[in-house]
Amino acid sequence: LNKVHDVLVDQGFYQAITYSFVSPELQAILDPGQATLKLANPISADMSTMRTRLLPGLLQALQYNVNRQQSKVRLFETGLCFRPEVQGLQQDQHLAAVVTGARDDEGIHSQSKALDFYDIKGYLESILSLAKGSEFRFNKTINSILHPGQGADIYLDDVLIGFVGSLHPAVLLKLHLNQPVYVFELE
């Protein structure tokens, strides 16, 4: 995990630490159809559900930064996600990242290009390369939160372990974001 953190920090990411409690509305947007665990005594109505993904907290942090005129935002987080199962509460360790804005810092003599799908996929592949001897595969996804044609499911051998791609324009609209946002999340 320390090596993963080092690789991401070397690529300009900042580590975020967000709450495990999220808004049920935001959770429904980012993990539709997934059952959630509602808290009996929540801190507030906006923090009344346990997260099933890391993306809700990361996207709120990204939105906060974009609203404060940050032109380049790169955030990652590792932490537990919670899913109710028949046999009890399932807790899984996840890694997620969100990026938006310029690929590089702008200079006096150069303008930076905007990030694209291949940038986020490259960041992810640099992490996956740490797992020597493992066979990873990218397949076209039908994940409803990702833009059609700009997303992929990630498999380790034949097991689905995550996804990568550009957020769907309808999701961006619901989150009040006016620019492309690229994400990945791994179990």
N, C-alpha and C. Protein backbone atom coordinates (compact mmCIF):
# COMPACT_ATOMS: atom_id res chain seq x y z
N LEU A 1 0.83 -1.20 0.00
CA LEU A 1 0.00 0.00 0.00
C LEU A 1 0.87 1.26 0.00
N ASN A 2 1.99 1.21 0.72
CA ASN A 2 2.90 2.37 0.73
C ASN A 2 3.47 2.63 -0.66
N LYS A 3 3.78 1.55 -1.40
CA LYS A 3 4.29 1.72 -2.76
C LYS A 3 3.23 2.34 -3.67
N VAL A 4 1.98 1.93 -3.51
CA VAL A 4 0.88 2.51 -4.29
C VAL A 4 0.77 4.00 -4.00
N HIS A 5 0.82 4.37 -2.73
CA HIS A 5 0.77 5.79 -2.35
C HIS A 5 1.92 6.55 -2.99
N ASP A 6 3.12 5.97 -2.91
CA ASP A 6 4.30 6.64 -3.48
C ASP A 6 4.14 6.86 -4.98
N VAL A 7 3.65 5.85 -5.69
CA VAL A 7 3.47 5.97 -7.15
C VAL A 7 2.49 7.09 -7.47
N LEU A 8 1.38 7.15 -6.75
CA LEU A 8 0.38 8.19 -7.02
C LEU A 8 0.89 9.58 -6.66
N VAL A 9 1.56 9.71 -5.53
CA VAL A 9 2.10 11.01 -5.13
C VAL A 9 3.15 11.46 -6.15
N ASP A 10 3.97 10.54 -6.63
CA ASP A 10 4.97 10.89 -7.65
C ASP A 10 4.32 11.41 -8.92
N GLN A 11 3.07 11.02 -9.18
CA GLN A 11 2.37 11.46 -10.38
C GLN A 11 1.50 12.71 -10.12
N GLY A 12 1.67 13.34 -8.96
CA GLY A 12 0.98 14.60 -8.69
C GLY A 12 -0.34 14.47 -7.95
N PHE A 13 -0.65 13.29 -7.42
CA PHE A 13 -1.89 13.09 -6.66
C PHE A 13 -1.69 13.51 -5.21
N TYR A 14 -2.79 13.92 -4.59
CA TYR A 14 -2.82 14.19 -3.16
C TYR A 14 -3.74 13.17 -2.51
N GLN A 15 -3.32 12.68 -1.35
CA GLN A 15 -4.16 11.72 -0.64
C GLN A 15 -5.26 12.45 0.10
N ALA A 16 -6.47 11.96 -0.05
CA ALA A 16 -7.62 12.51 0.67
C ALA A 16 -8.06 11.49 1.71
N ILE A 17 -8.61 11.99 2.79
CA ILE A 17 -9.21 11.13 3.81
C ILE A 17 -10.61 11.68 4.04
N THR A 18 -11.60 10.92 3.61
CA THR A 18 -12.98 11.37 3.69
C THR A 18 -13.75 10.52 4.69
N TYR A 19 -14.94 10.97 5.02
CA TYR A 19 -15.79 10.24 5.97
C TYR A 19 -16.31 8.95 5.35
N SER A 20 -16.55 7.97 6.20
CA SER A 20 -17.18 6.72 5.76
C SER A 20 -18.69 6.88 5.65
N PHE A 21 -19.21 8.01 6.11
CA PHE A 21 -20.64 8.31 6.05
C PHE A 21 -20.89 9.25 4.89
N VAL A 22 -21.87 8.95 4.06
CA VAL A 22 -22.16 9.78 2.88
C VAL A 22 -23.65 10.04 2.77
N SER A 23 -23.98 10.94 1.88
CA SER A 23 -25.38 11.25 1.58
C SER A 23 -26.01 10.08 0.83
N PRO A 24 -27.22 9.65 1.22
CA PRO A 24 -27.87 8.56 0.49
C PRO A 24 -28.15 8.92 -0.97
N GLU A 25 -28.42 10.20 -1.25
CA GLU A 25 -28.67 10.63 -2.63
C GLU A 25 -27.40 10.51 -3.48
N LEU A 26 -26.27 10.96 -2.92
CA LEU A 26 -25.00 10.86 -3.64
C LEU A 26 -24.62 9.39 -3.84
N GLN A 27 -24.83 8.58 -2.82
CA GLN A 27 -24.53 7.15 -2.92
C GLN A 27 -25.37 6.51 -4.03
N ALA A 28 -26.64 6.89 -4.12
CA ALA A 28 -27.53 6.32 -5.15
C ALA A 28 -27.10 6.73 -6.57
N ILE A 29 -26.54 7.92 -6.71
CA ILE A 29 -26.06 8.38 -8.02
C ILE A 29 -24.83 7.57 -8.44
N LEU A 30 -23.92 7.32 -7.49
CA LEU A 30 -22.63 6.72 -7.83
C LEU A 30 -22.57 5.20 -7.69
N ASP A 31 -23.56 4.60 -7.06
CA ASP A 31 -23.62 3.14 -6.95
C ASP A 31 -25.08 2.71 -7.03
N PRO A 32 -25.73 2.97 -8.18
CA PRO A 32 -27.15 2.68 -8.30
C PRO A 32 -27.45 1.19 -8.14
N GLY A 33 -28.53 0.92 -7.43
CA GLY A 33 -28.96 -0.45 -7.25
C GLY A 33 -28.27 -1.19 -6.13
N GLN A 34 -27.24 -0.62 -5.53
CA GLN A 34 -26.53 -1.27 -4.43
C GLN A 34 -27.23 -0.99 -3.11
N ALA A 35 -27.53 -2.03 -2.36
CA ALA A 35 -28.12 -1.86 -1.04
C ALA A 35 -27.12 -1.15 -0.13
N THR A 36 -27.62 -0.30 0.75
CA THR A 36 -26.75 0.46 1.64
C THR A 36 -27.13 0.22 3.09
N LEU A 37 -26.24 0.59 3.97
CA LEU A 37 -26.46 0.49 5.40
C LEU A 37 -26.77 1.88 5.93
N LYS A 38 -27.99 2.07 6.39
CA LYS A 38 -28.39 3.37 6.95
C LYS A 38 -28.04 3.38 8.44
N LEU A 39 -27.53 4.50 8.91
CA LEU A 39 -27.15 4.63 10.31
C LEU A 39 -28.36 4.93 11.18
N ALA A 40 -28.39 4.37 12.37
CA ALA A 40 -29.50 4.60 13.30
C ALA A 40 -29.46 6.03 13.85
N ASN A 41 -28.27 6.54 14.15
CA ASN A 41 -28.11 7.90 14.70
C ASN A 41 -27.07 8.65 13.89
N PRO A 42 -27.43 9.12 12.68
CA PRO A 42 -26.44 9.79 11.83
C PRO A 42 -26.03 11.15 12.38
N ILE A 43 -24.84 11.57 11.98
CA ILE A 43 -24.33 12.89 12.34
C ILE A 43 -25.23 13.97 11.76
N SER A 44 -25.64 13.76 10.49
CA SER A 44 -26.56 14.68 9.81
C SER A 44 -27.26 13.89 8.70
N ALA A 45 -28.26 14.48 8.08
CA ALA A 45 -28.97 13.81 6.99
C ALA A 45 -28.04 13.56 5.81
N ASP A 46 -27.03 14.44 5.61
CA ASP A 46 -26.07 14.27 4.52
C ASP A 46 -25.01 13.23 4.81
N MET A 47 -25.03 12.68 6.02
CA MET A 47 -24.04 11.66 6.39
C MET A 47 -24.75 10.50 7.08
N SER A 48 -25.80 10.00 6.45
CA SER A 48 -26.65 9.00 7.09
C SER A 48 -26.50 7.59 6.53
N THR A 49 -25.59 7.40 5.56
CA THR A 49 -25.40 6.10 4.92
C THR A 49 -23.92 5.75 4.90
N MET A 50 -23.61 4.49 5.14
CA MET A 50 -22.22 4.03 5.02
C MET A 50 -21.88 3.91 3.54
N ARG A 51 -20.69 4.31 3.17
CA ARG A 51 -20.29 4.31 1.77
C ARG A 51 -20.09 2.88 1.25
N THR A 52 -20.50 2.67 0.00
CA THR A 52 -20.24 1.40 -0.68
C THR A 52 -19.08 1.56 -1.66
N ARG A 53 -18.71 2.80 -1.92
CA ARG A 53 -17.57 3.14 -2.77
C ARG A 53 -16.85 4.33 -2.15
N LEU A 54 -15.62 4.55 -2.57
CA LEU A 54 -14.87 5.72 -2.12
C LEU A 54 -15.20 6.97 -2.93
N LEU A 55 -15.79 6.79 -4.09
CA LEU A 55 -16.02 7.92 -4.99
C LEU A 55 -16.87 9.04 -4.41
N PRO A 56 -17.93 8.79 -3.61
CA PRO A 56 -18.72 9.93 -3.11
C PRO A 56 -17.88 10.97 -2.37
N GLY A 57 -17.05 10.53 -1.45
CA GLY A 57 -16.21 11.47 -0.70
C GLY A 57 -15.18 12.15 -1.58
N LEU A 58 -14.56 11.38 -2.46
CA LEU A 58 -13.55 11.97 -3.36
C LEU A 58 -14.16 12.99 -4.30
N LEU A 59 -15.34 12.70 -4.83
CA LEU A 59 -15.98 13.64 -5.75
C LEU A 59 -16.44 14.91 -5.03
N GLN A 60 -16.83 14.79 -3.77
CA GLN A 60 -17.16 15.99 -3.00
C GLN A 60 -15.91 16.84 -2.80
N ALA A 61 -14.78 16.21 -2.50
CA ALA A 61 -13.52 16.94 -2.34
C ALA A 61 -13.09 17.58 -3.66
N LEU A 62 -13.25 16.86 -4.76
CA LEU A 62 -12.93 17.41 -6.08
C LEU A 62 -13.82 18.62 -6.38
N GLN A 63 -15.11 18.48 -6.11
CA GLN A 63 -16.05 19.57 -6.35
C GLN A 63 -15.68 20.80 -5.51
N TYR A 64 -15.30 20.60 -4.27
CA TYR A 64 -14.87 21.68 -3.39
C TYR A 64 -13.70 22.44 -4.01
N ASN A 65 -12.71 21.69 -4.52
CA ASN A 65 -11.52 22.31 -5.12
C ASN A 65 -11.85 23.03 -6.43
N VAL A 66 -12.66 22.41 -7.27
CA VAL A 66 -13.04 23.04 -8.54
C VAL A 66 -13.81 24.33 -8.29
N ASN A 67 -14.67 24.34 -7.29
CA ASN A 67 -15.43 25.55 -6.95
C ASN A 67 -14.54 26.67 -6.44
N ARG A 68 -13.30 26.35 -6.07
CA ARG A 68 -12.35 27.35 -5.60
C ARG A 68 -11.25 27.60 -6.64
N GLN A 69 -11.63 27.43 -7.91
CA GLN A 69 -10.80 27.81 -9.06
C GLN A 69 -9.52 26.98 -9.20
N GLN A 70 -9.50 25.76 -8.71
CA GLN A 70 -8.35 24.89 -8.93
C GLN A 70 -8.45 24.30 -10.33
N SER A 71 -7.45 24.53 -11.14
CA SER A 71 -7.52 24.09 -12.54
C SER A 71 -7.07 22.64 -12.73
N LYS A 72 -6.35 22.11 -11.76
CA LYS A 72 -5.84 20.74 -11.86
C LYS A 72 -6.04 20.06 -10.52
N VAL A 73 -6.92 19.04 -10.48
CA VAL A 73 -7.20 18.34 -9.23
C VAL A 73 -6.94 16.85 -9.44
N ARG A 74 -6.09 16.28 -8.57
CA ARG A 74 -5.79 14.85 -8.59
C ARG A 74 -5.82 14.36 -7.15
N LEU A 75 -6.80 13.52 -6.85
CA LEU A 75 -6.98 13.02 -5.48
C LEU A 75 -7.09 11.50 -5.49
N PHE A 76 -6.59 10.86 -4.42
CA PHE A 76 -6.79 9.43 -4.26
C PHE A 76 -7.09 9.14 -2.79
N GLU A 77 -7.67 7.97 -2.57
CA GLU A 77 -7.98 7.54 -1.20
C GLU A 77 -7.96 6.02 -1.14
N THR A 78 -7.54 5.52 0.00
CA THR A 78 -7.68 4.10 0.31
C THR A 78 -8.52 4.02 1.58
N GLY A 79 -9.39 3.01 1.66
CA GLY A 79 -10.21 2.88 2.84
C GLY A 79 -11.24 1.77 2.69
N LEU A 80 -11.98 1.57 3.77
CA LEU A 80 -13.00 0.53 3.79
C LEU A 80 -14.30 1.02 3.17
N CYS A 81 -14.96 0.11 2.48
CA CYS A 81 -16.30 0.33 1.95
C CYS A 81 -17.19 -0.76 2.54
N PHE A 82 -18.47 -0.44 2.71
CA PHE A 82 -19.37 -1.30 3.47
C PHE A 82 -20.59 -1.68 2.64
N ARG A 83 -20.87 -2.99 2.57
CA ARG A 83 -22.05 -3.48 1.86
C ARG A 83 -22.79 -4.49 2.74
N PRO A 84 -24.10 -4.28 2.91
CA PRO A 84 -24.86 -5.29 3.64
C PRO A 84 -25.02 -6.55 2.81
N GLU A 85 -24.75 -7.69 3.40
CA GLU A 85 -24.89 -8.99 2.75
C GLU A 85 -25.80 -9.86 3.61
N VAL A 86 -26.26 -10.97 3.06
CA VAL A 86 -27.12 -11.89 3.80
C VAL A 86 -26.42 -12.38 5.07
N GLN A 87 -25.13 -12.69 4.97
CA GLN A 87 -24.39 -13.21 6.11
C GLN A 87 -23.85 -12.11 7.03
N GLY A 88 -24.15 -10.85 6.79
CA GLY A 88 -23.70 -9.75 7.63
C GLY A 88 -23.10 -8.63 6.81
N LEU A 89 -22.38 -7.77 7.48
CA LEU A 89 -21.78 -6.60 6.83
C LEU A 89 -20.47 -7.00 6.16
N GLN A 90 -20.35 -6.72 4.87
CA GLN A 90 -19.13 -6.98 4.11
C GLN A 90 -18.30 -5.71 4.10
N GLN A 91 -17.04 -5.80 4.55
CA GLN A 91 -16.12 -4.67 4.54
C GLN A 91 -14.96 -5.00 3.62
N ASP A 92 -14.74 -4.16 2.62
CA ASP A 92 -13.66 -4.37 1.65
C ASP A 92 -12.77 -3.15 1.60
N GLN A 93 -11.46 -3.40 1.46
CA GLN A 93 -10.50 -2.32 1.27
C GLN A 93 -10.54 -1.90 -0.20
N HIS A 94 -10.66 -0.60 -0.46
CA HIS A 94 -10.71 -0.07 -1.83
C HIS A 94 -9.63 0.98 -2.02
N LEU A 95 -9.29 1.20 -3.28
CA LEU A 95 -8.43 2.30 -3.71
C LEU A 95 -9.16 3.01 -4.82
N ALA A 96 -9.27 4.33 -4.73
CA ALA A 96 -9.96 5.10 -5.77
C ALA A 96 -9.20 6.39 -6.02
N ALA A 97 -9.40 6.93 -7.23
CA ALA A 97 -8.79 8.21 -7.59
C ALA A 97 -9.74 8.97 -8.50
N VAL A 98 -9.64 10.30 -8.43
CA VAL A 98 -10.40 11.19 -9.31
C VAL A 98 -9.44 12.26 -9.84
N VAL A 99 -9.62 12.62 -11.11
CA VAL A 99 -8.79 13.66 -11.72
C VAL A 99 -9.66 14.53 -12.62
N THR A 100 -9.28 15.78 -12.72
CA THR A 100 -9.93 16.69 -13.66
C THR A 100 -8.96 17.82 -13.97
N GLY A 101 -9.21 18.49 -15.07
CA GLY A 101 -8.43 19.67 -15.41
C GLY A 101 -7.29 19.41 -16.36
N ALA A 102 -6.24 20.19 -16.20
CA ALA A 102 -5.10 20.16 -17.11
C ALA A 102 -4.20 18.97 -16.84
N ARG A 103 -3.55 18.50 -17.89
CA ARG A 103 -2.61 17.38 -17.77
C ARG A 103 -1.36 17.83 -17.00
N ASP A 104 -0.85 19.00 -17.34
CA ASP A 104 0.37 19.53 -16.71
C ASP A 104 0.11 20.96 -16.27
N ASP A 105 1.02 21.48 -15.48
CA ASP A 105 0.93 22.90 -15.12
C ASP A 105 1.26 23.74 -16.34
N GLU A 106 0.54 24.85 -16.47
CA GLU A 106 0.82 25.75 -17.59
C GLU A 106 2.04 26.59 -17.28
N GLY A 107 2.82 26.84 -18.31
CA GLY A 107 4.00 27.68 -18.18
C GLY A 107 3.86 28.92 -19.05
N ILE A 108 4.87 29.75 -19.01
CA ILE A 108 4.86 30.98 -19.80
C ILE A 108 4.84 30.65 -21.29
N HIS A 109 5.59 29.62 -21.68
CA HIS A 109 5.76 29.30 -23.09
C HIS A 109 4.92 28.12 -23.56
N SER A 110 4.10 27.57 -22.69
CA SER A 110 3.32 26.39 -23.10
C SER A 110 1.96 26.36 -22.43
N GLN A 111 1.01 25.83 -23.16
CA GLN A 111 -0.31 25.61 -22.61
C GLN A 111 -0.48 24.11 -22.42
N SER A 112 -1.13 23.75 -21.35
CA SER A 112 -1.32 22.33 -21.07
C SER A 112 -2.61 21.84 -21.70
N LYS A 113 -2.60 20.59 -22.12
CA LYS A 113 -3.80 19.98 -22.67
C LYS A 113 -4.63 19.39 -21.54
N ALA A 114 -5.92 19.21 -21.80
CA ALA A 114 -6.82 18.63 -20.80
C ALA A 114 -6.54 17.13 -20.68
N LEU A 115 -6.79 16.61 -19.50
CA LEU A 115 -6.68 15.17 -19.26
C LEU A 115 -7.68 14.41 -20.12
N ASP A 116 -7.38 13.13 -20.38
CA ASP A 116 -8.32 12.28 -21.10
C ASP A 116 -8.31 10.88 -20.49
N PHE A 117 -9.08 9.98 -21.09
CA PHE A 117 -9.22 8.62 -20.59
C PHE A 117 -7.87 7.91 -20.49
N TYR A 118 -7.00 8.14 -21.45
CA TYR A 118 -5.72 7.44 -21.47
C TYR A 118 -4.79 7.90 -20.35
N ASP A 119 -4.97 9.13 -19.86
CA ASP A 119 -4.19 9.58 -18.71
C ASP A 119 -4.57 8.80 -17.47
N ILE A 120 -5.86 8.70 -17.17
CA ILE A 120 -6.29 7.98 -15.96
C ILE A 120 -5.96 6.50 -16.07
N LYS A 121 -6.09 5.95 -17.27
CA LYS A 121 -5.73 4.54 -17.47
C LYS A 121 -4.22 4.35 -17.25
N GLY A 122 -3.42 5.30 -17.67
CA GLY A 122 -1.97 5.24 -17.45
C GLY A 122 -1.61 5.30 -15.98
N TYR A 123 -2.29 6.19 -15.22
CA TYR A 123 -2.05 6.25 -13.78
C TYR A 123 -2.38 4.90 -13.14
N LEU A 124 -3.50 4.32 -13.54
CA LEU A 124 -3.93 3.04 -13.00
C LEU A 124 -2.94 1.93 -13.37
N GLU A 125 -2.50 1.90 -14.60
CA GLU A 125 -1.55 0.87 -15.03
C GLU A 125 -0.23 0.96 -14.28
N SER A 126 0.16 2.18 -13.90
CA SER A 126 1.40 2.31 -13.12
C SER A 126 1.25 1.66 -11.74
N ILE A 127 0.05 1.65 -11.20
CA ILE A 127 -0.22 0.98 -9.93
C ILE A 127 -0.29 -0.53 -10.14
N LEU A 128 -1.01 -0.95 -11.17
CA LEU A 128 -1.16 -2.38 -11.44
C LEU A 128 0.18 -3.04 -11.74
N SER A 129 1.13 -2.27 -12.28
CA SER A 129 2.45 -2.84 -12.61
C SER A 129 3.21 -3.25 -11.34
N LEU A 130 2.78 -2.75 -10.17
CA LEU A 130 3.42 -3.15 -8.92
C LEU A 130 3.12 -4.60 -8.56
N ALA A 131 2.01 -5.14 -9.09
CA ALA A 131 1.61 -6.52 -8.80
C ALA A 131 2.26 -7.45 -9.82
N LYS A 132 3.51 -7.69 -9.63
CA LYS A 132 4.27 -8.51 -10.58
C LYS A 132 3.73 -9.93 -10.61
N GLY A 133 3.61 -10.49 -11.81
CA GLY A 133 3.12 -11.85 -11.97
C GLY A 133 1.61 -11.96 -12.02
N SER A 134 0.89 -10.85 -11.88
CA SER A 134 -0.57 -10.87 -11.96
C SER A 134 -1.01 -10.50 -13.36
N GLU A 135 -2.09 -11.10 -13.79
CA GLU A 135 -2.61 -10.89 -15.14
C GLU A 135 -3.85 -9.99 -15.07
N PHE A 136 -3.73 -8.73 -15.51
CA PHE A 136 -4.86 -7.80 -15.51
C PHE A 136 -5.39 -7.65 -16.92
N ARG A 137 -6.71 -7.44 -17.01
CA ARG A 137 -7.36 -7.30 -18.32
C ARG A 137 -8.39 -6.17 -18.22
N PHE A 138 -8.49 -5.38 -19.28
CA PHE A 138 -9.48 -4.31 -19.38
C PHE A 138 -10.53 -4.74 -20.40
N ASN A 139 -11.81 -4.71 -20.00
CA ASN A 139 -12.91 -5.02 -20.91
C ASN A 139 -13.86 -3.83 -20.96
N LYS A 140 -14.52 -3.67 -22.08
CA LYS A 140 -15.52 -2.62 -22.21
C LYS A 140 -16.56 -2.77 -21.11
N THR A 141 -16.98 -1.66 -20.53
CA THR A 141 -17.90 -1.68 -19.41
C THR A 141 -19.30 -1.23 -19.81
N ILE A 142 -20.27 -1.63 -19.01
CA ILE A 142 -21.63 -1.11 -19.15
C ILE A 142 -22.02 -0.38 -17.86
N ASN A 143 -21.00 0.06 -17.09
CA ASN A 143 -21.21 0.77 -15.84
C ASN A 143 -21.96 2.07 -16.14
N SER A 144 -23.11 2.26 -15.51
CA SER A 144 -23.98 3.39 -15.82
C SER A 144 -23.41 4.74 -15.39
N ILE A 145 -22.41 4.77 -14.51
CA ILE A 145 -21.86 6.07 -14.11
C ILE A 145 -20.73 6.52 -15.04
N LEU A 146 -20.31 5.64 -15.96
CA LEU A 146 -19.22 5.98 -16.87
C LEU A 146 -19.75 6.34 -18.26
N HIS A 147 -19.04 7.23 -18.91
CA HIS A 147 -19.38 7.67 -20.26
C HIS A 147 -19.25 6.48 -21.22
N PRO A 148 -20.25 6.26 -22.08
CA PRO A 148 -20.15 5.15 -23.04
C PRO A 148 -18.93 5.30 -23.93
N GLY A 149 -18.16 4.25 -24.07
CA GLY A 149 -16.97 4.29 -24.91
C GLY A 149 -15.74 4.85 -24.22
N GLN A 150 -15.89 5.35 -22.99
CA GLN A 150 -14.75 5.90 -22.26
C GLN A 150 -14.64 5.27 -20.88
N GLY A 151 -14.84 3.96 -20.83
CA GLY A 151 -14.74 3.26 -19.56
C GLY A 151 -14.40 1.81 -19.76
N ALA A 152 -13.84 1.21 -18.73
CA ALA A 152 -13.47 -0.20 -18.80
C ALA A 152 -13.59 -0.84 -17.43
N ASP A 153 -13.96 -2.11 -17.42
CA ASP A 153 -13.92 -2.92 -16.22
C ASP A 153 -12.53 -3.53 -16.14
N ILE A 154 -12.03 -3.73 -14.92
CA ILE A 154 -10.70 -4.27 -14.71
C ILE A 154 -10.84 -5.65 -14.08
N TYR A 155 -10.18 -6.61 -14.69
CA TYR A 155 -10.23 -7.99 -14.21
C TYR A 155 -8.83 -8.44 -13.80
N LEU A 156 -8.76 -9.14 -12.69
CA LEU A 156 -7.55 -9.85 -12.27
C LEU A 156 -7.86 -11.31 -12.50
N ASP A 157 -7.15 -11.91 -13.46
CA ASP A 157 -7.51 -13.23 -13.96
C ASP A 157 -8.94 -13.15 -14.48
N ASP A 158 -9.91 -13.81 -13.87
CA ASP A 158 -11.30 -13.70 -14.34
C ASP A 158 -12.21 -13.05 -13.31
N VAL A 159 -11.65 -12.34 -12.35
CA VAL A 159 -12.42 -11.72 -11.27
C VAL A 159 -12.47 -10.20 -11.49
N LEU A 160 -13.68 -9.65 -11.50
CA LEU A 160 -13.86 -8.20 -11.63
C LEU A 160 -13.37 -7.53 -10.36
N ILE A 161 -12.41 -6.62 -10.49
CA ILE A 161 -11.86 -5.95 -9.30
C ILE A 161 -12.05 -4.44 -9.33
N GLY A 162 -12.60 -3.88 -10.41
CA GLY A 162 -12.79 -2.44 -10.43
C GLY A 162 -13.15 -1.91 -11.80
N PHE A 163 -13.06 -0.58 -11.93
CA PHE A 163 -13.41 0.09 -13.17
C PHE A 163 -12.59 1.36 -13.31
N VAL A 164 -12.52 1.86 -14.54
CA VAL A 164 -11.81 3.10 -14.84
C VAL A 164 -12.55 3.80 -15.97
N GLY A 165 -12.58 5.13 -15.95
CA GLY A 165 -13.19 5.84 -17.06
C GLY A 165 -13.59 7.26 -16.74
N SER A 166 -14.30 7.83 -17.70
CA SER A 166 -14.81 9.19 -17.61
C SER A 166 -16.23 9.14 -17.05
N LEU A 167 -16.55 10.02 -16.11
CA LEU A 167 -17.91 10.05 -15.58
C LEU A 167 -18.90 10.44 -16.67
N HIS A 168 -20.04 9.80 -16.65
CA HIS A 168 -21.11 10.05 -17.62
C HIS A 168 -21.58 11.51 -17.49
N PRO A 169 -21.90 12.18 -18.61
CA PRO A 169 -22.38 13.57 -18.54
C PRO A 169 -23.60 13.75 -17.63
N ALA A 170 -24.50 12.77 -17.58
CA ALA A 170 -25.66 12.87 -16.70
C ALA A 170 -25.24 12.87 -15.23
N VAL A 171 -24.21 12.10 -14.90
CA VAL A 171 -23.69 12.08 -13.52
C VAL A 171 -23.02 13.42 -13.21
N LEU A 172 -22.25 13.95 -14.16
CA LEU A 172 -21.61 15.26 -13.96
C LEU A 172 -22.66 16.34 -13.71
N LEU A 173 -23.75 16.27 -14.45
CA LEU A 173 -24.83 17.25 -14.29
C LEU A 173 -25.44 17.15 -12.89
N LYS A 174 -25.69 15.94 -12.42
CA LYS A 174 -26.25 15.74 -11.07
C LYS A 174 -25.30 16.21 -9.98
N LEU A 175 -24.00 16.13 -10.25
CA LEU A 175 -22.99 16.55 -9.27
C LEU A 175 -22.60 18.02 -9.42
N HIS A 176 -23.21 18.71 -10.39
CA HIS A 176 -22.94 20.13 -10.65
C HIS A 176 -21.48 20.37 -11.03
N LEU A 177 -20.94 19.47 -11.84
CA LEU A 177 -19.58 19.62 -12.36
C LEU A 177 -19.66 19.93 -13.85
N ASN A 178 -18.90 20.93 -14.29
CA ASN A 178 -18.99 21.41 -15.67
C ASN A 178 -17.80 21.03 -16.53
N GLN A 179 -17.02 20.07 -16.10
CA GLN A 179 -15.85 19.66 -16.86
C GLN A 179 -15.68 18.16 -16.73
N PRO A 180 -14.98 17.54 -17.67
CA PRO A 180 -14.79 16.09 -17.60
C PRO A 180 -14.06 15.67 -16.33
N VAL A 181 -14.50 14.56 -15.74
CA VAL A 181 -13.87 14.00 -14.55
C VAL A 181 -13.59 12.53 -14.84
N TYR A 182 -12.37 12.10 -14.54
CA TYR A 182 -11.95 10.72 -14.78
C TYR A 182 -11.71 10.04 -13.43
N VAL A 183 -12.12 8.79 -13.34
CA VAL A 183 -12.09 8.08 -12.07
C VAL A 183 -11.60 6.65 -12.26
N PHE A 184 -11.11 6.06 -11.18
CA PHE A 184 -10.97 4.61 -11.11
C PHE A 184 -11.21 4.19 -9.67
N GLU A 185 -11.67 2.95 -9.51
CA GLU A 185 -11.83 2.37 -8.19
C GLU A 185 -11.54 0.88 -8.28
N LEU A 186 -10.73 0.41 -7.32
CA LEU A 186 -10.34 -1.00 -7.25
C LEU A 186 -10.68 -1.56 -5.88
N GLU A 187 -11.09 -2.82 -5.87
CA GLU A 187 -11.21 -3.53 -4.59
C GLU A 187 -9.84 -4.08 -4.25
